[in-house]
Amino acid sequence: MDEVLERTRSRAVRDGAIAAVLLAPSLAVLGVFGITPILGAVYLSLFDTHFGAGPFVGVGNYAKALTEEDFWKSFLVTFYYSVGTIPVGLVLSFAVALALFRILRARGLFRTMYFLPYVTSAVAAATVWRVLLHPQIGLTNLVLQWLGADPMQWLLEPRGVLYFLTDGRIPPTIGPSLSLCCVMLFDIWHASGFMIVIFLAGLTALPRQLEEAARIDGAGGAQVVWNVTLPLLSPTIFFLTVVSAIRSFQAFNSFFALTGDGRGPLNTTRNLTVYIYSSFYQFGYEGYGAALAALSSLAIVTMTIVQWRFAGRRVFYE
């Protein structure tokens, strides 16, 4: 017995040494380019720096951020963006993926067409969208004028979209601005290719027997999708929800490219990432910007844990 235990221990030590050697390069890269910058940002956030060295303020930058109106306004913009893009993107991408999964002719062509926006540079695509939504020469307003409607300011409009949808019955300061909705629409279109591909992979891996059994029992097409397909796709939906939520807090390219300086009309498109960028680079408050980045990271981690805690329980693993 003692000899067996000794062999087991020696094997465990040997396997551990091999694992440490194999993981050392990855851990070194992660430490240099991942953990070290995070620790450096946290350390920088403890100083009141402005284009250079500054005094130690402890958690003063964090307290300032939590009492700053601009911080909470940028957080609200990020919230609007998340709520406006994630559910719509998931529903539209699933519908397109389901249609692409069922068609037989030219399936590869259509899949390529829908995936093409995702592999296109966000800045290049946003430049085209800015031309389309230009208030004077944009194709969108030309079509509206041809239909007899009034032209819109689109990316330059700070008033809320609910104000226009309700014909002025809701105040213009409530809800996301029309400019922010344009950014949302762009990101839904641009990111849909990734979601469609993931949904197609999930649909391909589903067992067909369950859907066939449901149809034999008299279930219609919509009932099969709702009661069989979607529950089986819950791991895929959960993955896309978590990834999309994280991305929504990290969105920057589309905001900056579509609204020019990244702040938009009356700062109605200045999300957390743009606020961090402007604080750190444009105004030179490195310590305050680092504190904002740390708070944003904490919000992402908290949101992810909450999703795993509550939504993860409803995921069906076959």
C-alpha atoms as a PDB file:
ATOM      1  CA  MET A   1       0.000   0.000   0.000  1.00  0.00           C
ATOM      2  CA  ASP A   2       2.779   2.410   0.921  1.00  0.00           C
ATOM      3  CA  GLU A   3       4.522   1.667  -2.344  1.00  0.00           C
ATOM      4  CA  VAL A   4       1.343   2.439  -4.303  1.00  0.00           C
ATOM      5  CA  LEU A   5       0.884   5.756  -2.459  1.00  0.00           C
ATOM      6  CA  GLU A   6       4.496   6.651  -3.113  1.00  0.00           C
ATOM      7  CA  ARG A   7       4.080   5.973  -6.823  1.00  0.00           C
ATOM      8  CA  THR A   8       0.925   8.055  -6.888  1.00  0.00           C
ATOM      9  CA  ARG A   9       2.663  10.971  -5.182  1.00  0.00           C
ATOM     10  CA  SER A  10       5.669  10.799  -7.493  1.00  0.00           C
ATOM     11  CA  ARG A  11       3.397  10.658 -10.534  1.00  0.00           C
ATOM     12  CA  ALA A  12       1.427  13.674  -9.267  1.00  0.00           C
ATOM     13  CA  VAL A  13       4.643  15.632  -8.669  1.00  0.00           C
ATOM     14  CA  ARG A  14       5.944  14.716 -12.114  1.00  0.00           C
ATOM     15  CA  ASP A  15       2.657  15.663 -13.817  1.00  0.00           C
ATOM     16  CA  GLY A  16       2.582  18.923 -11.883  1.00  0.00           C
ATOM     17  CA  ALA A  17       6.117  19.775 -12.955  1.00  0.00           C
ATOM     18  CA  ILE A  18       5.293  19.022 -16.602  1.00  0.00           C
ATOM     19  CA  ALA A  19       2.138  21.143 -16.388  1.00  0.00           C
ATOM     20  CA  ALA A  20       4.093  24.035 -14.839  1.00  0.00           C
ATOM     21  CA  VAL A  21       6.687  23.907 -17.628  1.00  0.00           C
ATOM     22  CA  LEU A  22       4.008  23.825 -20.326  1.00  0.00           C
ATOM     23  CA  LEU A  23       1.981  26.647 -18.751  1.00  0.00           C
ATOM     24  CA  ALA A  24       4.968  28.869 -17.966  1.00  0.00           C
ATOM     25  CA  PRO A  25       5.101  30.645 -21.388  1.00  0.00           C
ATOM     26  CA  SER A  26       1.388  31.401 -21.361  1.00  0.00           C
ATOM     27  CA  LEU A  27       1.467  32.549 -17.745  1.00  0.00           C
ATOM     28  CA  ALA A  28       4.455  34.774 -18.482  1.00  0.00           C
ATOM     29  CA  VAL A  29       2.685  36.428 -21.429  1.00  0.00           C
ATOM     30  CA  LEU A  30      -0.521  36.791 -19.403  1.00  0.00           C
ATOM     31  CA  GLY A  31       1.392  38.304 -16.505  1.00  0.00           C
ATOM     32  CA  VAL A  32       3.298  40.813 -18.641  1.00  0.00           C
ATOM     33  CA  PHE A  33       0.478  41.889 -20.942  1.00  0.00           C
ATOM     34  CA  GLY A  34      -2.569  41.176 -18.758  1.00  0.00           C
ATOM     35  CA  ILE A  35      -2.077  41.249 -15.009  1.00  0.00           C
ATOM     36  CA  THR A  36       0.716  43.854 -14.925  1.00  0.00           C
ATOM     37  CA  PRO A  37      -1.283  46.514 -16.859  1.00  0.00           C
ATOM     38  CA  ILE A  38      -4.287  45.915 -14.595  1.00  0.00           C
ATOM     39  CA  LEU A  39      -2.203  46.387 -11.462  1.00  0.00           C
ATOM     40  CA  GLY A  40      -0.563  49.442 -13.030  1.00  0.00           C
ATOM     41  CA  ALA A  41      -3.961  50.976 -13.821  1.00  0.00           C
ATOM     42  CA  VAL A  42      -5.189  50.389 -10.267  1.00  0.00           C
ATOM     43  CA  TYR A  43      -2.003  51.962  -8.896  1.00  0.00           C
ATOM     44  CA  LEU A  44      -2.374  54.956 -11.246  1.00  0.00           C
ATOM     45  CA  SER A  45      -5.984  55.444 -10.161  1.00  0.00           C
ATOM     46  CA  LEU A  46      -4.758  56.262  -6.650  1.00  0.00           C
ATOM     47  CA  PHE A  47      -3.043  59.467  -7.843  1.00  0.00           C
ATOM     48  CA  ASP A  48      -4.472  62.782  -9.015  1.00  0.00           C
ATOM     49  CA  THR A  49      -2.412  62.945 -12.185  1.00  0.00           C
ATOM     50  CA  HIS A  50      -2.944  65.510 -14.927  1.00  0.00           C
ATOM     51  CA  PHE A  51      -0.574  65.165 -17.893  1.00  0.00           C
ATOM     52  CA  GLY A  52       2.079  63.843 -15.546  1.00  0.00           C
ATOM     53  CA  ALA A  53       2.799  63.031 -11.901  1.00  0.00           C
ATOM     54  CA  GLY A  54       0.384  64.084  -9.192  1.00  0.00           C
ATOM     55  CA  PRO A  55      -0.308  63.706  -5.463  1.00  0.00           C
ATOM     56  CA  PHE A  56      -1.591  60.526  -3.864  1.00  0.00           C
ATOM     57  CA  VAL A  57      -5.363  60.747  -3.278  1.00  0.00           C
ATOM     58  CA  GLY A  58      -6.247  57.137  -2.412  1.00  0.00           C
ATOM     59  CA  VAL A  59      -9.833  56.426  -3.395  1.00  0.00           C
ATOM     60  CA  GLY A  60     -10.467  60.087  -4.165  1.00  0.00           C
ATOM     61  CA  ASN A  61     -10.780  59.474  -7.907  1.00  0.00           C
ATOM     62  CA  TYR A  62     -13.337  56.732  -7.279  1.00  0.00           C
ATOM     63  CA  ALA A  63     -15.349  58.983  -4.978  1.00  0.00           C
ATOM     64  CA  LYS A  64     -15.197  61.755  -7.552  1.00  0.00           C
ATOM     65  CA  ALA A  65     -16.441  59.437 -10.302  1.00  0.00           C
ATOM     66  CA  LEU A  66     -19.352  58.153  -8.235  1.00  0.00           C
ATOM     67  CA  THR A  67     -20.477  61.718  -7.485  1.00  0.00           C
ATOM     68  CA  GLU A  68     -19.875  63.064 -11.004  1.00  0.00           C
ATOM     69  CA  GLU A  69     -22.965  63.701 -13.114  1.00  0.00           C
ATOM     70  CA  ASP A  70     -21.081  62.995 -16.352  1.00  0.00           C
ATOM     71  CA  PHE A  71     -20.125  59.522 -15.093  1.00  0.00           C
ATOM     72  CA  TRP A  72     -23.711  58.532 -14.373  1.00  0.00           C
ATOM     73  CA  LYS A  73     -24.884  60.027 -17.651  1.00  0.00           C
ATOM     74  CA  SER A  74     -22.322  57.949 -19.545  1.00  0.00           C
ATOM     75  CA  PHE A  75     -23.384  54.904 -17.516  1.00  0.00           C
ATOM     76  CA  LEU A  76     -27.009  55.572 -18.520  1.00  0.00           C
ATOM     77  CA  VAL A  77     -25.982  55.781 -22.172  1.00  0.00           C
ATOM     78  CA  THR A  78     -24.200  52.433 -21.787  1.00  0.00           C
ATOM     79  CA  PHE A  79     -27.315  50.967 -20.175  1.00  0.00           C
ATOM     80  CA  TYR A  80     -29.528  52.221 -23.018  1.00  0.00           C
ATOM     81  CA  TYR A  81     -27.066  50.786 -25.513  1.00  0.00           C
ATOM     82  CA  SER A  82     -26.991  47.363 -23.821  1.00  0.00           C
ATOM     83  CA  VAL A  83     -30.769  47.109 -23.483  1.00  0.00           C
ATOM     84  CA  GLY A  84     -31.286  48.314 -27.042  1.00  0.00           C
ATOM     85  CA  THR A  85     -28.763  46.090 -28.815  1.00  0.00           C
ATOM     86  CA  ILE A  86     -28.616  42.742 -26.984  1.00  0.00           C
ATOM     87  CA  PRO A  87     -32.277  41.561 -27.140  1.00  0.00           C
ATOM     88  CA  VAL A  88     -32.871  42.905 -30.654  1.00  0.00           C
ATOM     89  CA  GLY A  89     -29.597  41.482 -31.913  1.00  0.00           C
ATOM     90  CA  LEU A  90     -30.317  38.050 -30.445  1.00  0.00           C
ATOM     91  CA  VAL A  91     -33.853  37.856 -31.845  1.00  0.00           C
ATOM     92  CA  LEU A  92     -32.948  39.061 -35.341  1.00  0.00           C
ATOM     93  CA  SER A  93     -29.824  36.899 -35.535  1.00  0.00           C
ATOM     94  CA  PHE A  94     -31.745  33.802 -34.443  1.00  0.00           C
ATOM     95  CA  ALA A  95     -34.468  34.454 -36.999  1.00  0.00           C
ATOM     96  CA  VAL A  96     -31.927  34.871 -39.804  1.00  0.00           C
ATOM     97  CA  ALA A  97     -29.924  31.840 -38.652  1.00  0.00           C
ATOM     98  CA  LEU A  98     -33.063  29.685 -38.554  1.00  0.00           C
ATOM     99  CA  ALA A  99     -33.993  30.788 -42.075  1.00  0.00           C
ATOM    100  CA  LEU A 100     -30.461  30.139 -43.355  1.00  0.00           C
ATOM    101  CA  PHE A 101     -30.453  26.727 -41.685  1.00  0.00           C
ATOM    102  CA  ARG A 102     -33.631  25.653 -43.435  1.00  0.00           C
ATOM    103  CA  ILE A 103     -32.937  26.893 -46.950  1.00  0.00           C
ATOM    104  CA  LEU A 104     -31.198  24.501 -49.320  1.00  0.00           C
ATOM    105  CA  ARG A 105     -30.267  26.541 -52.384  1.00  0.00           C
ATOM    106  CA  ALA A 106     -27.480  29.160 -52.246  1.00  0.00           C
ATOM    107  CA  ARG A 107     -27.025  28.568 -48.504  1.00  0.00           C
ATOM    108  CA  GLY A 108     -23.311  29.309 -48.623  1.00  0.00           C
ATOM    109  CA  LEU A 109     -23.862  32.555 -50.537  1.00  0.00           C
ATOM    110  CA  PHE A 110     -26.400  33.878 -48.047  1.00  0.00           C
ATOM    111  CA  ARG A 111     -24.244  32.872 -45.076  1.00  0.00           C
ATOM    112  CA  THR A 112     -21.323  34.776 -46.586  1.00  0.00           C
ATOM    113  CA  MET A 113     -23.481  37.835 -47.206  1.00  0.00           C
ATOM    114  CA  TYR A 114     -24.715  37.966 -43.623  1.00  0.00           C
ATOM    115  CA  PHE A 115     -21.245  37.346 -42.177  1.00  0.00           C
ATOM    116  CA  LEU A 116     -19.588  39.971 -44.382  1.00  0.00           C
ATOM    117  CA  PRO A 117     -20.492  42.997 -42.171  1.00  0.00           C
ATOM    118  CA  TYR A 118     -18.812  41.401 -39.161  1.00  0.00           C
ATOM    119  CA  VAL A 119     -15.462  40.980 -40.919  1.00  0.00           C
ATOM    120  CA  THR A 120     -15.662  44.487 -42.388  1.00  0.00           C
ATOM    121  CA  SER A 121     -13.762  47.189 -40.534  1.00  0.00           C
ATOM    122  CA  ALA A 122     -16.087  48.987 -38.139  1.00  0.00           C
ATOM    123  CA  VAL A 123     -14.520  52.340 -39.006  1.00  0.00           C
ATOM    124  CA  ALA A 124     -14.911  51.773 -42.751  1.00  0.00           C
ATOM    125  CA  ALA A 125     -18.516  50.630 -42.364  1.00  0.00           C
ATOM    126  CA  ALA A 126     -19.293  53.545 -40.022  1.00  0.00           C
ATOM    127  CA  THR A 127     -17.945  55.978 -42.611  1.00  0.00           C
ATOM    128  CA  VAL A 128     -20.473  54.663 -45.118  1.00  0.00           C
ATOM    129  CA  TRP A 129     -23.254  54.912 -42.552  1.00  0.00           C
ATOM    130  CA  ARG A 130     -22.304  58.518 -41.773  1.00  0.00           C
ATOM    131  CA  VAL A 131     -22.731  59.381 -45.439  1.00  0.00           C
ATOM    132  CA  LEU A 132     -26.080  57.565 -45.610  1.00  0.00           C
ATOM    133  CA  LEU A 133     -27.322  59.399 -42.499  1.00  0.00           C
ATOM    134  CA  HIS A 134     -25.942  62.815 -43.448  1.00  0.00           C
ATOM    135  CA  PRO A 135     -28.663  65.446 -42.817  1.00  0.00           C
ATOM    136  CA  GLN A 136     -28.141  67.222 -46.174  1.00  0.00           C
ATOM    137  CA  ILE A 137     -26.802  64.716 -48.696  1.00  0.00           C
ATOM    138  CA  GLY A 138     -27.642  61.423 -47.029  1.00  0.00           C
ATOM    139  CA  LEU A 139     -29.661  58.841 -48.939  1.00  0.00           C
ATOM    140  CA  THR A 140     -31.914  58.267 -45.912  1.00  0.00           C
ATOM    141  CA  ASN A 141     -33.214  61.829 -45.876  1.00  0.00           C
ATOM    142  CA  LEU A 142     -33.553  61.870 -49.662  1.00  0.00           C
ATOM    143  CA  VAL A 143     -35.836  58.829 -49.407  1.00  0.00           C
ATOM    144  CA  LEU A 144     -37.828  60.493 -46.605  1.00  0.00           C
ATOM    145  CA  GLN A 145     -38.287  63.646 -48.680  1.00  0.00           C
ATOM    146  CA  TRP A 146     -39.334  61.556 -51.669  1.00  0.00           C
ATOM    147  CA  LEU A 147     -41.985  59.924 -49.462  1.00  0.00           C
ATOM    148  CA  GLY A 148     -43.173  63.340 -48.263  1.00  0.00           C
ATOM    149  CA  ALA A 149     -41.721  63.126 -44.735  1.00  0.00           C
ATOM    150  CA  ASP A 150     -39.542  65.680 -43.004  1.00  0.00           C
ATOM    151  CA  PRO A 151     -35.775  65.065 -43.012  1.00  0.00           C
ATOM    152  CA  MET A 152     -34.089  64.108 -39.741  1.00  0.00           C
ATOM    153  CA  GLN A 153     -30.787  65.029 -38.149  1.00  0.00           C
ATOM    154  CA  TRP A 154     -30.032  61.386 -37.304  1.00  0.00           C
ATOM    155  CA  LEU A 155     -26.497  61.328 -35.866  1.00  0.00           C
ATOM    156  CA  LEU A 156     -26.789  64.995 -34.856  1.00  0.00           C
ATOM    157  CA  GLU A 157     -30.132  64.663 -33.034  1.00  0.00           C
ATOM    158  CA  PRO A 158     -29.902  64.856 -29.201  1.00  0.00           C
ATOM    159  CA  ARG A 159     -33.645  64.475 -28.581  1.00  0.00           C
ATOM    160  CA  GLY A 160     -34.967  61.118 -27.457  1.00  0.00           C
ATOM    161  CA  VAL A 161     -36.374  58.641 -29.943  1.00  0.00           C
ATOM    162  CA  LEU A 162     -39.493  58.272 -27.761  1.00  0.00           C
ATOM    163  CA  TYR A 163     -40.164  61.964 -28.330  1.00  0.00           C
ATOM    164  CA  PHE A 164     -40.474  61.336 -32.073  1.00  0.00           C
ATOM    165  CA  LEU A 165     -42.375  58.058 -31.760  1.00  0.00           C
ATOM    166  CA  THR A 166     -45.023  59.635 -29.523  1.00  0.00           C
ATOM    167  CA  ASP A 167     -45.222  62.867 -31.517  1.00  0.00           C
ATOM    168  CA  GLY A 168     -43.867  64.936 -28.642  1.00  0.00           C
ATOM    169  CA  ARG A 169     -46.006  63.499 -25.835  1.00  0.00           C
ATOM    170  CA  ILE A 170     -42.889  62.145 -24.083  1.00  0.00           C
ATOM    171  CA  PRO A 171     -40.284  64.784 -23.170  1.00  0.00           C
ATOM    172  CA  PRO A 172     -37.185  64.789 -25.419  1.00  0.00           C
ATOM    173  CA  THR A 173     -34.852  64.147 -22.475  1.00  0.00           C
ATOM    174  CA  ILE A 174     -36.362  60.739 -21.650  1.00  0.00           C
ATOM    175  CA  GLY A 175     -34.930  57.631 -23.248  1.00  0.00           C
ATOM    176  CA  PRO A 176     -32.054  57.171 -25.688  1.00  0.00           C
ATOM    177  CA  SER A 177     -31.451  59.928 -28.210  1.00  0.00           C
ATOM    178  CA  LEU A 178     -32.063  59.409 -31.906  1.00  0.00           C
ATOM    179  CA  SER A 179     -28.316  59.676 -32.415  1.00  0.00           C
ATOM    180  CA  LEU A 180     -27.703  56.850 -29.928  1.00  0.00           C
ATOM    181  CA  CYS A 181     -30.348  54.713 -31.631  1.00  0.00           C
ATOM    182  CA  CYS A 182     -28.488  55.145 -34.912  1.00  0.00           C
ATOM    183  CA  VAL A 183     -25.342  53.847 -33.222  1.00  0.00           C
ATOM    184  CA  MET A 184     -27.353  50.923 -31.820  1.00  0.00           C
ATOM    185  CA  LEU A 185     -28.749  50.095 -35.247  1.00  0.00           C
ATOM    186  CA  PHE A 186     -25.276  50.134 -36.757  1.00  0.00           C
ATOM    187  CA  ASP A 187     -23.856  47.802 -34.101  1.00  0.00           C
ATOM    188  CA  ILE A 188     -26.802  45.404 -34.398  1.00  0.00           C
ATOM    189  CA  TRP A 189     -26.146  45.193 -38.129  1.00  0.00           C
ATOM    190  CA  HIS A 190     -22.380  44.952 -37.740  1.00  0.00           C
ATOM    191  CA  ALA A 191     -22.372  42.290 -34.985  1.00  0.00           C
ATOM    192  CA  SER A 192     -25.212  40.166 -36.371  1.00  0.00           C
ATOM    193  CA  GLY A 193     -22.840  38.108 -38.518  1.00  0.00           C
ATOM    194  CA  PHE A 194     -21.047  36.724 -35.461  1.00  0.00           C
ATOM    195  CA  MET A 195     -24.315  35.819 -33.730  1.00  0.00           C
ATOM    196  CA  ILE A 196     -25.718  34.210 -36.877  1.00  0.00           C
ATOM    197  CA  VAL A 197     -22.672  31.971 -37.254  1.00  0.00           C
ATOM    198  CA  ILE A 198     -22.862  30.884 -33.598  1.00  0.00           C
ATOM    199  CA  PHE A 199     -26.597  30.203 -33.889  1.00  0.00           C
ATOM    200  CA  LEU A 200     -26.019  28.175 -37.062  1.00  0.00           C
ATOM    201  CA  ALA A 201     -23.408  26.094 -35.270  1.00  0.00           C
ATOM    202  CA  GLY A 202     -25.849  25.488 -32.426  1.00  0.00           C
ATOM    203  CA  LEU A 203     -28.696  24.560 -34.787  1.00  0.00           C
ATOM    204  CA  THR A 204     -26.450  22.141 -36.663  1.00  0.00           C
ATOM    205  CA  ALA A 205     -25.558  20.318 -33.431  1.00  0.00           C
ATOM    206  CA  LEU A 206     -29.162  19.858 -32.259  1.00  0.00           C
ATOM    207  CA  PRO A 207     -30.620  16.334 -32.350  1.00  0.00           C
ATOM    208  CA  ARG A 208     -33.315  16.208 -35.001  1.00  0.00           C
ATOM    209  CA  GLN A 209     -35.204  13.375 -33.275  1.00  0.00           C
ATOM    210  CA  LEU A 210     -36.766  15.665 -30.684  1.00  0.00           C
ATOM    211  CA  GLU A 211     -38.140  18.070 -33.293  1.00  0.00           C
ATOM    212  CA  GLU A 212     -39.474  15.178 -35.347  1.00  0.00           C
ATOM    213  CA  ALA A 213     -41.126  13.689 -32.275  1.00  0.00           C
ATOM    214  CA  ALA A 214     -42.766  17.033 -31.495  1.00  0.00           C
ATOM    215  CA  ARG A 215     -44.140  17.276 -35.039  1.00  0.00           C
ATOM    216  CA  ILE A 216     -45.477  13.728 -34.836  1.00  0.00           C
ATOM    217  CA  ASP A 217     -47.297  14.738 -31.638  1.00  0.00           C
ATOM    218  CA  GLY A 218     -48.995  17.527 -33.570  1.00  0.00           C
ATOM    219  CA  ALA A 219     -46.843  20.535 -32.695  1.00  0.00           C
ATOM    220  CA  GLY A 220     -46.721  23.327 -35.270  1.00  0.00           C
ATOM    221  CA  GLY A 221     -43.623  25.066 -36.544  1.00  0.00           C
ATOM    222  CA  ALA A 222     -43.774  27.893 -34.001  1.00  0.00           C
ATOM    223  CA  GLN A 223     -44.423  25.444 -31.151  1.00  0.00           C
ATOM    224  CA  VAL A 224     -41.426  23.323 -32.148  1.00  0.00           C
ATOM    225  CA  VAL A 225     -39.185  26.380 -32.191  1.00  0.00           C
ATOM    226  CA  TRP A 226     -40.463  27.702 -28.854  1.00  0.00           C
ATOM    227  CA  ASN A 227     -40.695  24.440 -26.911  1.00  0.00           C
ATOM    228  CA  VAL A 228     -37.890  22.360 -28.446  1.00  0.00           C
ATOM    229  CA  THR A 229     -35.375  24.402 -30.447  1.00  0.00           C
ATOM    230  CA  LEU A 230     -34.954  27.352 -28.090  1.00  0.00           C
ATOM    231  CA  PRO A 231     -34.552  25.252 -24.907  1.00  0.00           C
ATOM    232  CA  LEU A 232     -31.940  23.114 -26.637  1.00  0.00           C
ATOM    233  CA  LEU A 233     -30.192  26.296 -27.805  1.00  0.00           C
ATOM    234  CA  SER A 234     -30.127  27.790 -24.297  1.00  0.00           C
ATOM    235  CA  PRO A 235     -26.328  27.246 -23.902  1.00  0.00           C
ATOM    236  CA  THR A 236     -25.770  29.114 -27.174  1.00  0.00           C
ATOM    237  CA  ILE A 237     -28.153  31.905 -26.188  1.00  0.00           C
ATOM    238  CA  PHE A 238     -26.535  32.185 -22.771  1.00  0.00           C
ATOM    239  CA  PHE A 239     -23.054  32.395 -24.312  1.00  0.00           C
ATOM    240  CA  LEU A 240     -24.099  35.089 -26.774  1.00  0.00           C
ATOM    241  CA  THR A 241     -25.875  37.042 -24.033  1.00  0.00           C
ATOM    242  CA  VAL A 242     -22.805  37.082 -21.789  1.00  0.00           C
ATOM    243  CA  VAL A 243     -20.438  37.981 -24.637  1.00  0.00           C
ATOM    244  CA  SER A 244     -22.780  40.690 -25.957  1.00  0.00           C
ATOM    245  CA  ALA A 245     -23.203  42.213 -22.503  1.00  0.00           C
ATOM    246  CA  ILE A 246     -19.436  42.420 -22.047  1.00  0.00           C
ATOM    247  CA  ARG A 247     -19.007  43.915 -25.497  1.00  0.00           C
ATOM    248  CA  SER A 248     -21.707  46.496 -24.840  1.00  0.00           C
ATOM    249  CA  PHE A 249     -19.646  47.879 -21.962  1.00  0.00           C
ATOM    250  CA  GLN A 250     -16.534  47.914 -24.145  1.00  0.00           C
ATOM    251  CA  ALA A 251     -18.045  49.471 -27.286  1.00  0.00           C
ATOM    252  CA  PHE A 252     -15.925  52.308 -28.642  1.00  0.00           C
ATOM    253  CA  ASN A 253     -15.217  52.129 -32.388  1.00  0.00           C
ATOM    254  CA  SER A 254     -18.793  52.629 -33.527  1.00  0.00           C
ATOM    255  CA  PHE A 255     -19.413  55.498 -31.106  1.00  0.00           C
ATOM    256  CA  PHE A 256     -16.228  57.302 -32.029  1.00  0.00           C
ATOM    257  CA  ALA A 257     -16.508  56.713 -35.775  1.00  0.00           C
ATOM    258  CA  LEU A 258     -20.191  57.612 -36.131  1.00  0.00           C
ATOM    259  CA  THR A 259     -20.315  60.673 -33.878  1.00  0.00           C
ATOM    260  CA  GLY A 260     -17.073  62.289 -34.991  1.00  0.00           C
ATOM    261  CA  ASP A 261     -15.280  63.082 -31.731  1.00  0.00           C
ATOM    262  CA  GLY A 262     -16.957  60.205 -29.903  1.00  0.00           C
ATOM    263  CA  ARG A 263     -19.170  62.409 -27.755  1.00  0.00           C
ATOM    264  CA  GLY A 264     -22.075  63.098 -30.088  1.00  0.00           C
ATOM    265  CA  PRO A 265     -24.792  65.734 -29.721  1.00  0.00           C
ATOM    266  CA  LEU A 266     -24.948  67.034 -26.136  1.00  0.00           C
ATOM    267  CA  ASN A 267     -22.965  63.956 -25.039  1.00  0.00           C
ATOM    268  CA  THR A 268     -25.996  61.719 -25.611  1.00  0.00           C
ATOM    269  CA  THR A 269     -23.739  59.116 -27.257  1.00  0.00           C
ATOM    270  CA  ARG A 270     -20.870  59.310 -24.775  1.00  0.00           C
ATOM    271  CA  ASN A 271     -20.829  55.877 -23.193  1.00  0.00           C
ATOM    272  CA  LEU A 272     -18.462  54.708 -20.448  1.00  0.00           C
ATOM    273  CA  THR A 273     -15.658  53.770 -22.815  1.00  0.00           C
ATOM    274  CA  VAL A 274     -15.757  57.103 -24.624  1.00  0.00           C
ATOM    275  CA  TYR A 275     -15.920  58.901 -21.266  1.00  0.00           C
ATOM    276  CA  ILE A 276     -12.814  57.010 -20.123  1.00  0.00           C
ATOM    277  CA  TYR A 277     -11.048  57.858 -23.373  1.00  0.00           C
ATOM    278  CA  SER A 278     -11.874  61.556 -23.197  1.00  0.00           C
ATOM    279  CA  SER A 279     -10.898  61.794 -19.523  1.00  0.00           C
ATOM    280  CA  PHE A 280      -7.603  59.972 -20.008  1.00  0.00           C
ATOM    281  CA  TYR A 281      -6.380  61.122 -23.413  1.00  0.00           C
ATOM    282  CA  GLN A 282      -8.240  64.302 -24.360  1.00  0.00           C
ATOM    283  CA  PHE A 283      -8.209  66.021 -20.970  1.00  0.00           C
ATOM    284  CA  GLY A 284      -5.149  64.302 -19.498  1.00  0.00           C
ATOM    285  CA  TYR A 285      -6.658  63.127 -16.193  1.00  0.00           C
ATOM    286  CA  GLU A 286      -4.806  59.808 -16.131  1.00  0.00           C
ATOM    287  CA  GLY A 287      -5.623  58.930 -12.525  1.00  0.00           C
ATOM    288  CA  TYR A 288      -9.298  59.734 -12.930  1.00  0.00           C
ATOM    289  CA  GLY A 289      -9.430  57.839 -16.246  1.00  0.00           C
ATOM    290  CA  ALA A 290      -7.773  54.820 -14.640  1.00  0.00           C
ATOM    291  CA  ALA A 291     -10.336  54.917 -11.831  1.00  0.00           C
ATOM    292  CA  LEU A 292     -13.134  55.028 -14.413  1.00  0.00           C
ATOM    293  CA  ALA A 293     -11.616  52.033 -16.195  1.00  0.00           C
ATOM    294  CA  ALA A 294     -11.414  50.123 -12.914  1.00  0.00           C
ATOM    295  CA  LEU A 295     -15.068  50.891 -12.151  1.00  0.00           C
ATOM    296  CA  SER A 296     -16.066  49.792 -15.645  1.00  0.00           C
ATOM    297  CA  SER A 297     -14.164  46.517 -15.212  1.00  0.00           C
ATOM    298  CA  LEU A 298     -15.829  45.972 -11.855  1.00  0.00           C
ATOM    299  CA  ALA A 299     -19.244  46.568 -13.442  1.00  0.00           C
ATOM    300  CA  ILE A 300     -18.471  44.014 -16.186  1.00  0.00           C
ATOM    301  CA  VAL A 301     -17.330  41.387 -13.671  1.00  0.00           C
ATOM    302  CA  THR A 302     -20.385  41.995 -11.455  1.00  0.00           C
ATOM    303  CA  MET A 303     -22.748  41.802 -14.418  1.00  0.00           C
ATOM    304  CA  THR A 304     -21.152  38.561 -15.631  1.00  0.00           C
ATOM    305  CA  ILE A 305     -21.398  36.964 -12.174  1.00  0.00           C
ATOM    306  CA  VAL A 306     -25.073  37.959 -11.923  1.00  0.00           C
ATOM    307  CA  GLN A 307     -25.758  36.447 -15.334  1.00  0.00           C
ATOM    308  CA  TRP A 308     -24.044  33.195 -14.383  1.00  0.00           C
ATOM    309  CA  ARG A 309     -25.859  33.183 -11.042  1.00  0.00           C
ATOM    310  CA  PHE A 310     -29.410  33.670 -12.344  1.00  0.00           C
ATOM    311  CA  ALA A 311     -29.539  33.022 -16.096  1.00  0.00           C
ATOM    312  CA  GLY A 312     -27.058  30.140 -15.894  1.00  0.00           C
ATOM    313  CA  ARG A 313     -29.529  28.101 -13.849  1.00  0.00           C
ATOM    314  CA  ARG A 314     -32.008  28.140 -16.734  1.00  0.00           C
ATOM    315  CA  VAL A 315     -29.561  26.774 -19.271  1.00  0.00           C
ATOM    316  CA  PHE A 316     -30.384  23.281 -20.488  1.00  0.00           C
ATOM    317  CA  TYR A 317     -27.344  21.115 -21.172  1.00  0.00           C
ATOM    318  CA  GLU A 318     -28.126  17.987 -23.130  1.00  0.00           C
END
